[in-house]
Amino acid sequence: KKTIKLNALTFYNYLLRFVIIISLLVITFGIPYSKVVLYIYGGSTLIQGSGPTLLR
């Protein structure tokens, strides 16, 4: 029973680290690359409109 709790604790520890790393990457590179992401997602129509402004 202790090993199950230890495995669950280890899993949630790694999951928390992963989420923190992904969040920091989004915060760091989110705004500078917002136009690129919008272009990949929806094409040039999203870039020309108010899409990048809404992401800021």
N, C-alpha and C. Protein backbone atom coordinates (compact mmCIF):
# COMPACT_ATOMS: atom_id res chain seq x y z
N LYS A 1 0.83 -1.20 0.00
CA LYS A 1 0.00 0.00 0.00
C LYS A 1 0.87 1.26 0.00
N LYS A 2 2.00 1.21 0.66
CA LYS A 2 2.89 2.37 0.68
C LYS A 2 3.51 2.61 -0.69
N THR A 3 3.78 1.53 -1.42
CA THR A 3 4.38 1.71 -2.75
C THR A 3 3.40 2.36 -3.72
N ILE A 4 2.12 2.06 -3.57
CA ILE A 4 1.11 2.69 -4.43
C ILE A 4 1.06 4.19 -4.16
N LYS A 5 1.09 4.57 -2.89
CA LYS A 5 1.09 5.99 -2.55
C LYS A 5 2.36 6.68 -3.04
N LEU A 6 3.48 5.99 -2.91
CA LEU A 6 4.74 6.56 -3.37
C LEU A 6 4.75 6.73 -4.88
N ASN A 7 4.21 5.74 -5.60
CA ASN A 7 4.14 5.85 -7.06
C ASN A 7 3.20 6.98 -7.48
N ALA A 8 2.09 7.13 -6.79
CA ALA A 8 1.15 8.21 -7.11
C ALA A 8 1.79 9.57 -6.82
N LEU A 9 2.50 9.67 -5.72
CA LEU A 9 3.16 10.92 -5.38
C LEU A 9 4.24 11.27 -6.41
N THR A 10 4.98 10.29 -6.84
CA THR A 10 6.01 10.51 -7.86
C THR A 10 5.38 10.95 -9.18
N PHE A 11 4.29 10.29 -9.56
CA PHE A 11 3.60 10.64 -10.80
C PHE A 11 3.10 12.08 -10.76
N TYR A 12 2.45 12.47 -9.67
CA TYR A 12 1.93 13.83 -9.58
C TYR A 12 3.04 14.86 -9.49
N ASN A 13 4.17 14.48 -8.93
CA ASN A 13 5.32 15.38 -8.89
C ASN A 13 5.82 15.66 -10.31
N TYR A 14 5.98 14.60 -11.11
CA TYR A 14 6.42 14.79 -12.49
C TYR A 14 5.37 15.52 -13.32
N LEU A 15 4.10 15.25 -13.07
CA LEU A 15 3.04 15.94 -13.79
C LEU A 15 3.04 17.43 -13.48
N LEU A 16 3.23 17.79 -12.24
CA LEU A 16 3.30 19.19 -11.85
C LEU A 16 4.50 19.88 -12.49
N ARG A 17 5.63 19.22 -12.51
CA ARG A 17 6.82 19.80 -13.15
C ARG A 17 6.57 20.03 -14.64
N PHE A 18 5.94 19.05 -15.29
CA PHE A 18 5.65 19.16 -16.72
C PHE A 18 4.72 20.34 -17.00
N VAL A 19 3.68 20.49 -16.21
CA VAL A 19 2.73 21.58 -16.40
C VAL A 19 3.40 22.93 -16.16
N ILE A 20 4.26 23.01 -15.18
CA ILE A 20 4.97 24.26 -14.90
C ILE A 20 5.89 24.63 -16.06
N ILE A 21 6.60 23.65 -16.61
CA ILE A 21 7.51 23.92 -17.73
C ILE A 21 6.73 24.37 -18.96
N ILE A 22 5.63 23.70 -19.26
CA ILE A 22 4.81 24.10 -20.41
C ILE A 22 4.24 25.50 -20.20
N SER A 23 3.80 25.79 -18.99
CA SER A 23 3.25 27.12 -18.70
C SER A 23 4.30 28.21 -18.86
N LEU A 24 5.51 27.95 -18.39
CA LEU A 24 6.58 28.94 -18.54
C LEU A 24 6.94 29.16 -20.00
N LEU A 25 6.91 28.09 -20.80
CA LEU A 25 7.18 28.25 -22.22
C LEU A 25 6.10 29.08 -22.91
N VAL A 26 4.85 28.85 -22.54
CA VAL A 26 3.76 29.62 -23.13
C VAL A 26 3.85 31.08 -22.72
N ILE A 27 4.17 31.32 -21.46
CA ILE A 27 4.28 32.70 -21.00
C ILE A 27 5.46 33.40 -21.69
N THR A 28 6.56 32.69 -21.86
CA THR A 28 7.76 33.30 -22.44
C THR A 28 7.60 33.57 -23.93
N PHE A 29 7.10 32.58 -24.67
CA PHE A 29 7.07 32.70 -26.13
C PHE A 29 5.67 32.94 -26.68
N GLY A 30 4.68 33.10 -25.85
CA GLY A 30 3.30 33.22 -26.31
C GLY A 30 3.03 34.46 -27.13
N ILE A 31 3.36 35.60 -26.60
CA ILE A 31 3.04 36.86 -27.28
C ILE A 31 3.92 37.09 -28.52
N PRO A 32 5.23 36.85 -28.47
CA PRO A 32 6.01 37.08 -29.69
C PRO A 32 5.62 36.18 -30.86
N TYR A 33 5.16 34.97 -30.58
CA TYR A 33 4.82 34.03 -31.65
C TYR A 33 3.32 33.88 -31.85
N SER A 34 2.53 34.82 -31.36
CA SER A 34 1.08 34.69 -31.49
C SER A 34 0.64 34.76 -32.96
N LYS A 35 1.29 35.60 -33.75
CA LYS A 35 0.92 35.68 -35.17
C LYS A 35 1.25 34.39 -35.91
N VAL A 36 2.35 33.76 -35.56
CA VAL A 36 2.72 32.51 -36.20
C VAL A 36 1.71 31.42 -35.86
N VAL A 37 1.32 31.36 -34.61
CA VAL A 37 0.35 30.35 -34.19
C VAL A 37 -1.00 30.59 -34.87
N LEU A 38 -1.42 31.83 -34.94
CA LEU A 38 -2.68 32.14 -35.62
C LEU A 38 -2.61 31.82 -37.11
N TYR A 39 -1.47 32.06 -37.72
CA TYR A 39 -1.32 31.73 -39.14
C TYR A 39 -1.38 30.23 -39.37
N ILE A 40 -0.75 29.46 -38.50
CA ILE A 40 -0.79 28.00 -38.63
C ILE A 40 -2.21 27.49 -38.38
N TYR A 41 -2.89 28.08 -37.43
CA TYR A 41 -4.23 27.62 -37.05
C TYR A 41 -5.30 28.02 -38.07
N GLY A 42 -5.30 29.27 -38.49
CA GLY A 42 -6.41 29.73 -39.30
C GLY A 42 -6.06 30.42 -40.59
N GLY A 43 -4.80 30.54 -40.91
CA GLY A 43 -4.42 31.19 -42.15
C GLY A 43 -4.30 32.70 -42.01
N SER A 44 -4.24 33.34 -43.15
CA SER A 44 -3.98 34.78 -43.15
C SER A 44 -5.17 35.61 -42.70
N THR A 45 -6.38 35.05 -42.71
CA THR A 45 -7.55 35.83 -42.31
C THR A 45 -7.51 36.16 -40.82
N LEU A 46 -6.96 35.30 -40.01
CA LEU A 46 -6.87 35.59 -38.58
C LEU A 46 -5.79 36.60 -38.26
N ILE A 47 -4.74 36.63 -39.06
CA ILE A 47 -3.65 37.57 -38.81
C ILE A 47 -4.06 39.00 -39.17
N GLN A 48 -4.83 39.15 -40.24
CA GLN A 48 -5.21 40.48 -40.70
C GLN A 48 -6.29 41.11 -39.83
N GLY A 49 -7.05 40.31 -39.12
CA GLY A 49 -8.11 40.85 -38.28
C GLY A 49 -7.59 41.26 -36.92
N SER A 50 -8.45 41.14 -35.94
CA SER A 50 -8.09 41.55 -34.59
C SER A 50 -7.58 40.38 -33.75
N GLY A 51 -7.20 39.29 -34.37
CA GLY A 51 -6.74 38.11 -33.64
C GLY A 51 -5.51 38.33 -32.79
N PRO A 52 -4.43 38.88 -33.34
CA PRO A 52 -3.24 39.11 -32.51
C PRO A 52 -3.48 40.10 -31.38
N THR A 53 -4.35 41.07 -31.61
CA THR A 53 -4.65 42.04 -30.55
C THR A 53 -5.41 41.37 -29.42
N LEU A 54 -6.29 40.45 -29.75
CA LEU A 54 -7.05 39.75 -28.71
C LEU A 54 -6.16 38.85 -27.86
N LEU A 55 -5.09 38.33 -28.43
CA LEU A 55 -4.18 37.47 -27.67
C LEU A 55 -3.30 38.25 -26.72
N ARG A 56 -3.17 39.53 -26.92
CA ARG A 56 -2.33 40.33 -26.03
C ARG A 56 -3.16 40.82 -24.91
